[in-house]
Amino acid sequence: MNKWKHICASIARTLLGLTFIFSGFVKAVDPLGTVYKIEDYLKAFGGFFNNLMPLAGVAAFTLIIFEFVLGVCLLFNVRTKLTSWLALLMMALMTPLTLYIAIANPVSDCGCFGDAIVLSNWATFWKNIVLLALVIVLLCWKRYVPQTFVGKAEWGIAILAILLVAGFMAYNLTHLPVIDFRPYKVGNNIPELMQYPDDAQPDIYRTTYIYEKDGNKQEFTLSDYPQGDSTWTFVESKSVLVKKGYEPPIHDFEIVDIVNLEDITEDVLDADVAVLAVMYNLRKADKRQLEKLIRLAQIEQQNGHMFCILTGSSSGDIDEFLMSQIQPKCPTQTDYELFEQAVCTCDPVTLKTIVRANPGVIVLNSGTVVDKYNLANCDLEDLENLKEDNIIDEEYYVEEEYDDDTPLNQDFSDTDVYTDEQDFSEE
């Protein structure tokens, strides 16, 4: 009997450890995404929780480190008694919270596995029920799991786990996530991910109509509303989403030129080279990178590339940003006007999804993402040398040869090219 208890407790410990490690790792890959998710929660809850918005970053980093280190300690059987109670505490908090989220649906997904695995709110709740059951099994039979490490070795494993996950987060924050789980990752074609399949199911809504008669309001459907009965007065109609239809991976990518108030999305996606500088919030943008941003605008204008500065900020914030931050740093008035003309608006949530940096840079080739940068780590020399030809893979056009051993990249004169008028009768 004790053998089975040992096996069950060991299985529970291993599954919990792997789950917490995976959850902490995918969040550490994209720590800003976790910050954004916590901010979404606080906005959805409203009221007092809005005051906690400045603490979202601290909460996100603490949660990531806690989950990862807890998972490592569980997996390697470090301080099993303590870590079991900590796991119970976490699940005792998260399970009721996810039940409320599943019922109230304030956010579309919990973000428990970042963007790597997107679960529905109800799926998240049932996942937590399973984890809670595993924690209870481990707590009940933890005495049947002998300690693997003791003393300094335990502290060494815990400290090493903290340093590893903290360093990993720092790298992903100062650069970009080493693994991009979002639809705007390098290699993806944006227009293709915006398309609806021919057999795509649309959203299904239930529409009701409110009519009033003799001071009493009554709700009708399209099949039984009082058509032609003048004794009823129409008040309003309501539409409720019954079933969510197909939604393409990219469904809100729209760029508007603020100077001409024109939608230039197609122009951006059709351009041979489009360099987009992304600042979803101008007030929160890293002001230390503005001179580099101005230089980037100059480089792309000289290279003849399409260049846009995308922001989700209000028109008032845009004007203030241009006048107080950009104009004093521009070498000439012409540079300032070119910069001003490049500013466009886009949905801020979309911009935060495109690149996890403020400011960040994304390079497109006919709508395909070919590169992404955090501007703080962006090598402007690489962008300065960026040409349309460099974006196309030239490997097959340089080394390949014709059957007659003539290199494909050899220059030909006009006399080397046959025309219709030439006589091919001679052999």
Protein backbone atom coordinates (compact mmCIF):
# COMPACT_ATOMS: atom_id res chain seq x y z
CA MET A 1 0.00 0.00 0.00
CA ASN A 2 2.81 2.40 0.93
CA LYS A 3 4.42 1.68 -2.43
CA TRP A 4 1.31 2.89 -4.29
CA LYS A 5 1.13 6.00 -2.12
CA HIS A 6 4.76 6.71 -2.94
CA ILE A 7 4.08 6.25 -6.67
CA CYS A 8 0.96 8.47 -6.60
CA ALA A 9 2.70 11.19 -4.60
CA SER A 10 5.71 11.10 -6.92
CA ILE A 11 3.51 11.33 -10.01
CA ALA A 12 1.57 14.26 -8.49
CA ARG A 13 4.82 16.02 -7.56
CA THR A 14 6.30 15.53 -11.04
CA LEU A 15 3.18 16.71 -12.89
CA LEU A 16 2.85 19.76 -10.66
CA GLY A 17 6.54 20.58 -11.07
CA LEU A 18 6.46 20.31 -14.86
CA THR A 19 3.27 22.37 -15.08
CA PHE A 20 4.62 25.20 -12.92
CA ILE A 21 7.96 25.19 -14.75
CA PHE A 22 6.25 25.36 -18.14
CA SER A 23 3.88 28.09 -16.97
CA GLY A 24 6.72 30.16 -15.54
CA PHE A 25 8.96 29.58 -18.57
CA VAL A 26 6.46 30.70 -21.23
CA LYS A 27 5.70 33.78 -19.14
CA ALA A 28 9.43 34.48 -18.76
CA VAL A 29 9.81 34.24 -22.55
CA ASP A 30 7.39 37.18 -22.84
CA PRO A 31 7.35 39.03 -19.49
CA LEU A 32 5.77 42.13 -21.01
CA GLY A 33 2.88 39.99 -22.20
CA THR A 34 2.28 38.94 -18.58
CA VAL A 35 2.37 42.60 -17.51
CA TYR A 36 -0.21 43.46 -20.19
CA LYS A 37 -2.43 40.56 -19.09
CA ILE A 38 -2.39 41.66 -15.45
CA GLU A 39 -3.21 45.21 -16.58
CA ASP A 40 -6.17 43.79 -18.53
CA TYR A 41 -7.41 42.09 -15.37
CA LEU A 42 -7.11 45.28 -13.32
CA LYS A 43 -8.94 47.31 -15.97
CA ALA A 44 -11.70 44.70 -16.18
CA PHE A 45 -12.20 44.63 -12.41
CA GLY A 46 -12.22 48.44 -12.30
CA GLY A 47 -12.73 50.60 -9.21
CA PHE A 48 -10.03 50.13 -6.58
CA PHE A 49 -8.05 47.80 -8.86
CA ASN A 50 -7.31 50.66 -11.26
CA ASN A 51 -5.12 52.14 -8.52
CA LEU A 52 -2.97 49.02 -8.58
CA MET A 53 -2.00 49.47 -12.23
CA PRO A 54 1.55 50.75 -11.43
CA LEU A 55 2.20 47.47 -9.59
CA ALA A 56 1.40 45.28 -12.61
CA GLY A 57 5.07 44.94 -13.54
CA VAL A 58 6.17 43.94 -10.05
CA ALA A 59 3.26 41.49 -9.78
CA ALA A 60 4.10 39.93 -13.16
CA PHE A 61 7.80 39.42 -12.41
CA THR A 62 7.05 38.07 -8.91
CA LEU A 63 4.49 35.62 -10.29
CA ILE A 64 6.89 34.37 -12.98
CA ILE A 65 9.76 33.78 -10.56
CA PHE A 66 7.45 32.17 -7.99
CA GLU A 67 5.90 29.76 -10.49
CA PHE A 68 9.20 28.72 -12.06
CA VAL A 69 11.10 28.25 -8.80
CA LEU A 70 8.15 26.42 -7.21
CA GLY A 71 8.08 24.07 -10.19
CA VAL A 72 11.82 23.42 -10.02
CA CYS A 73 11.65 22.67 -6.30
CA LEU A 74 8.70 20.31 -6.78
CA LEU A 75 10.34 18.51 -9.70
CA PHE A 76 13.66 18.01 -7.92
CA ASN A 77 12.01 17.23 -4.59
CA VAL A 78 13.44 20.25 -2.79
CA ARG A 79 11.70 21.15 0.48
CA THR A 80 8.67 19.11 -0.59
CA LYS A 81 6.68 19.89 2.55
CA LEU A 82 7.10 23.65 2.18
CA THR A 83 6.60 23.70 -1.59
CA SER A 84 3.48 21.53 -1.29
CA TRP A 85 1.88 24.04 1.07
CA LEU A 86 2.93 26.93 -1.20
CA ALA A 87 1.37 25.12 -4.17
CA LEU A 88 -1.82 24.64 -2.15
CA LEU A 89 -1.86 28.33 -1.25
CA MET A 90 -1.46 29.31 -4.88
CA MET A 91 -4.19 26.96 -6.10
CA ALA A 92 -6.49 28.03 -3.26
CA LEU A 93 -6.20 31.59 -4.59
CA MET A 94 -6.24 30.86 -8.32
CA THR A 95 -9.07 28.32 -8.46
CA PRO A 96 -11.84 30.62 -7.09
CA LEU A 97 -10.43 33.48 -9.17
CA THR A 98 -10.58 31.47 -12.39
CA LEU A 99 -14.11 30.30 -11.50
CA TYR A 100 -15.19 33.94 -11.24
CA ILE A 101 -13.42 34.76 -14.51
CA ALA A 102 -15.13 31.83 -16.24
CA ILE A 103 -18.54 33.04 -15.05
CA ALA A 104 -18.11 36.82 -15.45
CA ASN A 105 -15.78 36.58 -18.48
CA PRO A 106 -14.00 39.92 -17.92
CA VAL A 107 -11.09 38.84 -20.16
CA SER A 108 -11.00 36.44 -23.10
CA ASP A 109 -8.27 34.17 -21.71
CA CYS A 110 -6.41 33.92 -18.43
CA GLY A 111 -2.90 34.03 -19.88
CA CYS A 112 -1.75 31.26 -17.53
CA PHE A 113 0.42 29.79 -20.31
CA GLY A 114 1.13 33.11 -22.01
CA ASP A 115 0.55 33.05 -25.76
CA ALA A 116 2.04 29.56 -26.08
CA ILE A 117 -1.24 27.82 -25.21
CA VAL A 118 -4.44 29.87 -25.13
CA LEU A 119 -7.13 28.27 -22.99
CA SER A 120 -10.74 29.34 -22.61
CA ASN A 121 -11.71 30.62 -19.18
CA TRP A 122 -13.65 27.45 -18.38
CA ALA A 123 -10.79 25.24 -19.56
CA THR A 124 -8.50 27.20 -17.25
CA PHE A 125 -10.82 26.61 -14.28
CA TRP A 126 -10.97 22.84 -14.88
CA LYS A 127 -7.21 22.77 -15.34
CA ASN A 128 -6.86 24.36 -11.90
CA ILE A 129 -9.25 21.80 -10.40
CA VAL A 130 -6.93 19.03 -11.64
CA LEU A 131 -3.87 20.82 -10.26
CA LEU A 132 -5.63 21.34 -6.92
CA ALA A 133 -6.40 17.62 -6.76
CA LEU A 134 -2.74 16.81 -7.43
CA VAL A 135 -1.65 19.17 -4.65
CA ILE A 136 -4.02 17.48 -2.21
CA VAL A 137 -2.65 14.06 -3.16
CA LEU A 138 0.90 15.30 -2.62
CA LEU A 139 0.07 16.86 0.74
CA CYS A 140 -1.67 13.75 2.00
CA TRP A 141 1.15 11.38 1.02
CA LYS A 142 4.23 13.60 1.01
CA ARG A 143 5.74 11.58 3.87
CA TYR A 144 6.08 8.69 1.44
CA VAL A 145 8.38 10.77 -0.79
CA PRO A 146 11.91 10.81 0.67
CA GLN A 147 13.99 13.95 0.32
CA THR A 148 16.48 13.90 -2.57
CA PHE A 149 18.61 16.86 -1.46
CA VAL A 150 19.40 18.32 1.95
CA GLY A 151 21.03 21.41 3.39
CA LYS A 152 23.03 23.66 1.10
CA ALA A 153 22.13 21.67 -2.01
CA GLU A 154 18.48 22.64 -1.58
CA TRP A 155 19.31 26.31 -1.25
CA GLY A 156 21.68 26.07 -4.19
CA ILE A 157 18.98 24.65 -6.47
CA ALA A 158 16.45 27.31 -5.42
CA ILE A 159 18.91 30.20 -5.82
CA LEU A 160 20.12 28.88 -9.19
CA ALA A 161 16.51 28.65 -10.41
CA ILE A 162 15.87 32.26 -9.32
CA LEU A 163 18.99 33.53 -11.09
CA LEU A 164 18.22 31.60 -14.28
CA VAL A 165 14.63 32.77 -14.65
CA ALA A 166 15.47 36.36 -13.63
CA GLY A 167 18.32 36.55 -16.15
CA PHE A 168 16.17 34.98 -18.84
CA MET A 169 13.43 37.57 -18.22
CA ALA A 170 15.94 40.40 -18.29
CA TYR A 171 17.27 39.28 -21.66
CA ASN A 172 13.78 39.04 -23.17
CA LEU A 173 12.89 42.46 -21.81
CA THR A 174 15.96 44.25 -23.14
CA HIS A 175 15.85 42.45 -26.48
CA LEU A 176 12.74 40.67 -27.74
CA PRO A 177 11.20 37.31 -26.74
CA VAL A 178 13.50 34.51 -27.90
CA ILE A 179 10.39 32.56 -28.89
CA ASP A 180 7.58 34.50 -30.55
CA PHE A 181 4.20 32.82 -30.03
CA ARG A 182 2.22 35.64 -31.66
CA PRO A 183 0.90 35.85 -35.23
CA TYR A 184 3.36 38.64 -36.14
CA LYS A 185 6.45 36.47 -35.72
CA VAL A 186 9.25 36.55 -38.30
CA GLY A 187 8.30 34.56 -41.41
CA ASN A 188 4.55 35.07 -41.14
CA ASN A 189 2.66 36.78 -43.96
CA ILE A 190 0.17 39.28 -42.51
CA PRO A 191 -2.31 39.35 -45.45
CA GLU A 192 -2.56 35.55 -45.41
CA LEU A 193 -3.32 35.55 -41.69
CA MET A 194 -6.04 38.17 -42.22
CA GLN A 195 -8.03 36.05 -44.67
CA TYR A 196 -11.27 34.20 -43.93
CA PRO A 197 -11.60 30.68 -45.36
CA ASP A 198 -14.50 30.13 -47.74
CA ASP A 199 -16.18 27.84 -45.21
CA ALA A 200 -15.59 30.12 -42.21
CA GLN A 201 -18.51 30.24 -39.79
CA PRO A 202 -19.68 33.78 -38.95
CA ASP A 203 -20.69 34.97 -35.49
CA ILE A 204 -24.21 33.98 -34.52
CA TYR A 205 -26.32 36.57 -32.72
CA ARG A 206 -29.77 36.44 -31.15
CA THR A 207 -31.60 39.69 -31.82
CA THR A 208 -34.64 40.77 -29.82
CA TYR A 209 -36.88 43.78 -30.23
CA ILE A 210 -38.41 45.81 -27.43
CA TYR A 211 -41.86 47.31 -28.10
CA GLU A 212 -44.06 49.34 -25.78
CA LYS A 213 -47.86 49.35 -25.48
CA ASP A 214 -49.94 51.17 -22.84
CA GLY A 215 -46.82 51.82 -20.81
CA ASN A 216 -45.74 48.17 -20.80
CA LYS A 217 -42.60 46.97 -22.55
CA GLN A 218 -42.35 43.53 -24.11
CA GLU A 219 -39.57 41.63 -25.81
CA PHE A 220 -40.12 40.00 -29.20
CA THR A 221 -38.10 38.04 -31.72
CA LEU A 222 -38.03 38.56 -35.46
CA SER A 223 -40.65 35.82 -35.90
CA ASP A 224 -43.27 37.21 -33.52
CA TYR A 225 -42.78 40.96 -33.31
CA PRO A 226 -46.01 43.00 -33.83
CA GLN A 227 -45.50 43.88 -37.47
CA GLY A 228 -48.22 46.17 -38.77
CA ASP A 229 -49.75 46.69 -35.32
CA SER A 230 -49.71 50.43 -34.77
CA THR A 231 -50.69 50.06 -31.12
CA TRP A 232 -47.13 48.96 -30.37
CA THR A 233 -44.25 51.46 -30.37
CA PHE A 234 -40.71 50.32 -31.13
CA VAL A 235 -38.25 51.13 -28.32
CA GLU A 236 -34.94 49.40 -29.11
CA SER A 237 -33.30 46.22 -30.36
CA LYS A 238 -30.69 44.08 -28.62
CA SER A 239 -28.18 41.65 -30.11
CA VAL A 240 -26.47 39.02 -27.99
CA LEU A 241 -23.60 36.87 -29.24
CA VAL A 242 -24.76 33.25 -29.07
CA LYS A 243 -21.81 31.55 -30.75
CA LYS A 244 -18.43 32.96 -31.68
CA GLY A 245 -17.57 32.39 -35.31
CA TYR A 246 -14.17 32.04 -36.98
CA GLU A 247 -11.71 34.81 -36.27
CA PRO A 248 -8.48 34.97 -38.29
CA PRO A 249 -5.21 35.12 -36.34
CA ILE A 250 -4.80 38.76 -37.44
CA HIS A 251 -8.10 40.66 -37.53
CA ASP A 252 -7.37 44.19 -36.35
CA PHE A 253 -4.34 45.32 -38.35
CA GLU A 254 -5.32 48.74 -39.72
CA ILE A 255 -3.02 51.72 -40.24
CA VAL A 256 -4.35 55.25 -40.69
CA ASP A 257 -2.25 58.20 -41.87
CA ILE A 258 -3.07 61.01 -39.44
CA VAL A 259 -2.04 63.74 -41.89
CA ASN A 260 -4.43 62.76 -44.69
CA LEU A 261 -6.75 60.62 -42.53
CA GLU A 262 -6.41 57.76 -45.03
CA ASP A 263 -6.26 54.02 -44.47
CA ILE A 264 -2.84 53.02 -45.80
CA THR A 265 -2.90 49.38 -44.65
CA GLU A 266 -2.80 47.96 -48.17
CA ASP A 267 0.02 50.30 -49.16
CA VAL A 268 2.10 49.08 -46.22
CA LEU A 269 1.41 45.42 -46.96
CA ASP A 270 2.10 45.82 -50.70
CA ALA A 271 5.40 47.69 -50.27
CA ASP A 272 8.60 45.86 -51.21
CA VAL A 273 10.09 47.17 -47.98
CA ALA A 274 8.08 48.73 -45.17
CA VAL A 275 9.83 49.68 -41.93
CA LEU A 276 7.42 50.28 -39.06
CA ALA A 277 8.51 51.92 -35.82
CA VAL A 278 6.03 50.90 -33.12
CA MET A 279 5.22 53.02 -30.07
CA TYR A 280 1.88 51.86 -28.71
CA ASN A 281 1.93 54.55 -26.00
CA LEU A 282 3.94 57.72 -26.55
CA ARG A 283 3.87 58.68 -22.88
CA LYS A 284 5.40 55.34 -21.88
CA ALA A 285 7.92 55.21 -24.75
CA ASP A 286 11.62 55.05 -23.90
CA LYS A 287 12.65 58.68 -24.45
CA ARG A 288 16.32 57.68 -24.55
CA GLN A 289 15.73 56.13 -27.98
CA LEU A 290 14.20 59.18 -29.69
CA GLU A 291 17.39 60.41 -31.35
CA LYS A 292 17.94 56.92 -32.72
CA LEU A 293 14.32 56.92 -33.93
CA ILE A 294 14.86 60.21 -35.77
CA ARG A 295 18.02 58.80 -37.35
CA LEU A 296 16.07 55.69 -38.38
CA ALA A 297 13.48 57.89 -40.09
CA GLN A 298 16.26 59.68 -42.00
CA ILE A 299 17.86 56.39 -43.06
CA GLU A 300 14.64 54.90 -44.39
CA GLN A 301 13.72 58.09 -46.22
CA GLN A 302 17.15 58.05 -47.91
CA ASN A 303 16.79 54.36 -48.80
CA GLY A 304 13.41 55.04 -50.37
CA HIS A 305 11.64 52.58 -48.09
CA MET A 306 8.13 53.06 -46.82
CA PHE A 307 8.48 54.23 -43.23
CA CYS A 308 5.70 54.63 -40.68
CA ILE A 309 5.62 55.43 -36.98
CA LEU A 310 2.70 53.56 -35.45
CA THR A 311 1.07 54.63 -32.22
CA GLY A 312 -2.18 54.07 -30.38
CA SER A 313 -1.98 57.37 -28.51
CA SER A 314 -4.57 60.13 -28.78
CA SER A 315 -4.18 63.06 -31.17
CA GLY A 316 -3.43 65.34 -28.22
CA ASP A 317 -0.63 63.08 -27.01
CA ILE A 318 0.73 62.86 -30.56
CA ASP A 319 0.86 66.65 -30.94
CA GLU A 320 2.52 67.07 -27.55
CA PHE A 321 5.03 64.34 -28.33
CA LEU A 322 5.99 65.87 -31.67
CA MET A 323 6.33 69.40 -30.35
CA SER A 324 8.05 68.72 -27.01
CA GLN A 325 10.11 65.60 -27.75
CA ILE A 326 10.78 65.35 -31.49
CA GLN A 327 11.06 68.90 -32.82
CA PRO A 328 13.85 69.96 -30.42
CA LYS A 329 15.90 66.88 -31.40
CA CYS A 330 15.47 67.16 -35.18
CA PRO A 331 18.51 68.68 -36.96
CA THR A 332 16.37 70.58 -39.48
CA GLN A 333 12.75 71.55 -40.02
CA THR A 334 12.68 69.22 -43.03
CA ASP A 335 13.62 66.27 -40.82
CA TYR A 336 10.83 67.20 -38.43
CA GLU A 337 8.26 67.44 -41.22
CA LEU A 338 9.31 64.05 -42.62
CA PHE A 339 8.98 62.55 -39.15
CA GLU A 340 5.59 64.18 -38.63
CA GLN A 341 4.28 62.86 -41.95
CA ALA A 342 5.33 59.33 -41.00
CA VAL A 343 3.15 59.19 -37.88
CA CYS A 344 0.14 56.86 -38.20
CA THR A 345 -2.38 55.42 -35.80
CA CYS A 346 -3.13 51.78 -35.09
CA ASP A 347 -4.96 49.90 -32.37
CA PRO A 348 -2.72 49.94 -29.24
CA VAL A 349 -3.52 46.31 -28.38
CA THR A 350 -2.44 45.31 -31.89
CA LEU A 351 0.79 47.28 -31.52
CA LYS A 352 1.59 45.59 -28.21
CA THR A 353 1.01 42.27 -29.95
CA ILE A 354 3.20 43.10 -32.95
CA VAL A 355 6.39 43.79 -31.01
CA ARG A 356 7.16 43.69 -27.29
CA ALA A 357 9.06 46.96 -27.19
CA ASN A 358 8.18 50.63 -26.92
CA PRO A 359 9.70 51.66 -29.29
CA GLY A 360 10.19 48.60 -31.44
CA VAL A 361 10.83 48.09 -35.15
CA ILE A 362 9.30 45.61 -37.58
CA VAL A 363 10.44 45.16 -41.20
CA LEU A 364 8.00 43.86 -43.83
CA ASN A 365 8.60 42.56 -47.33
CA SER A 366 5.32 42.48 -49.28
CA GLY A 367 3.46 41.88 -46.03
CA THR A 368 5.83 39.20 -44.71
CA VAL A 369 7.61 39.89 -41.43
CA VAL A 370 11.33 39.60 -42.16
CA ASP A 371 12.78 41.11 -39.00
CA LYS A 372 11.91 42.65 -35.65
CA TYR A 373 13.96 44.76 -33.25
CA ASN A 374 13.85 46.41 -29.88
CA LEU A 375 15.04 49.86 -30.91
CA ALA A 376 17.29 49.96 -27.85
CA ASN A 377 19.25 47.04 -29.37
CA CYS A 378 18.70 47.90 -33.02
CA ASP A 379 21.84 48.16 -35.16
CA LEU A 380 21.15 51.12 -37.41
CA GLU A 381 24.01 50.14 -39.72
CA ASP A 382 22.10 46.99 -40.62
CA LEU A 383 18.98 49.01 -41.37
CA GLU A 384 21.00 51.57 -43.29
CA ASN A 385 22.25 48.83 -45.61
CA LEU A 386 18.82 47.26 -45.95
CA LYS A 387 17.84 47.05 -49.64
CA GLU A 388 15.00 45.34 -51.39
CA ASP A 389 17.42 42.78 -52.88
CA ASN A 390 18.75 41.85 -49.46
CA ILE A 391 15.33 40.75 -48.25
CA ILE A 392 15.06 38.10 -50.98
CA ASP A 393 17.07 34.96 -50.37
CA GLU A 394 19.77 35.18 -53.02
CA GLU A 395 21.38 31.84 -52.27
CA TYR A 396 19.81 30.15 -55.26
CA TYR A 397 20.60 33.01 -57.61
CA VAL A 398 24.33 33.21 -57.02
CA GLU A 399 25.66 29.69 -56.92
CA GLU A 400 23.33 27.91 -59.35
CA GLU A 401 24.59 27.40 -62.91
CA TYR A 402 23.09 26.63 -66.28
CA ASP A 403 23.59 23.27 -67.94
CA ASP A 404 26.35 24.78 -70.06
CA ASP A 405 28.25 25.77 -66.89
CA THR A 406 27.43 29.45 -67.35
CA PRO A 407 26.95 31.10 -63.94
CA LEU A 408 23.47 32.51 -63.44
CA ASN A 409 24.79 35.84 -62.23
CA GLN A 410 27.00 36.41 -65.30
CA ASP A 411 26.42 39.66 -67.19
CA PHE A 412 25.18 39.34 -70.78
CA SER A 413 25.47 41.85 -73.60
CA ASP A 414 22.76 42.61 -76.17
CA THR A 415 24.51 40.38 -78.72
CA ASP A 416 24.15 37.41 -76.40
CA VAL A 417 20.35 37.62 -76.49
CA TYR A 418 18.45 36.09 -79.43
CA THR A 419 15.51 37.89 -80.99
CA ASP A 420 12.66 36.77 -83.21
CA GLU A 421 14.37 38.24 -86.27
CA GLN A 422 17.47 36.05 -85.96
CA ASP A 423 17.89 33.11 -88.31
CA PHE A 424 18.07 29.82 -86.46
CA SER A 425 18.39 27.73 -89.62
CA GLU A 426 22.14 27.50 -89.34
CA GLU A 427 23.40 24.80 -87.11
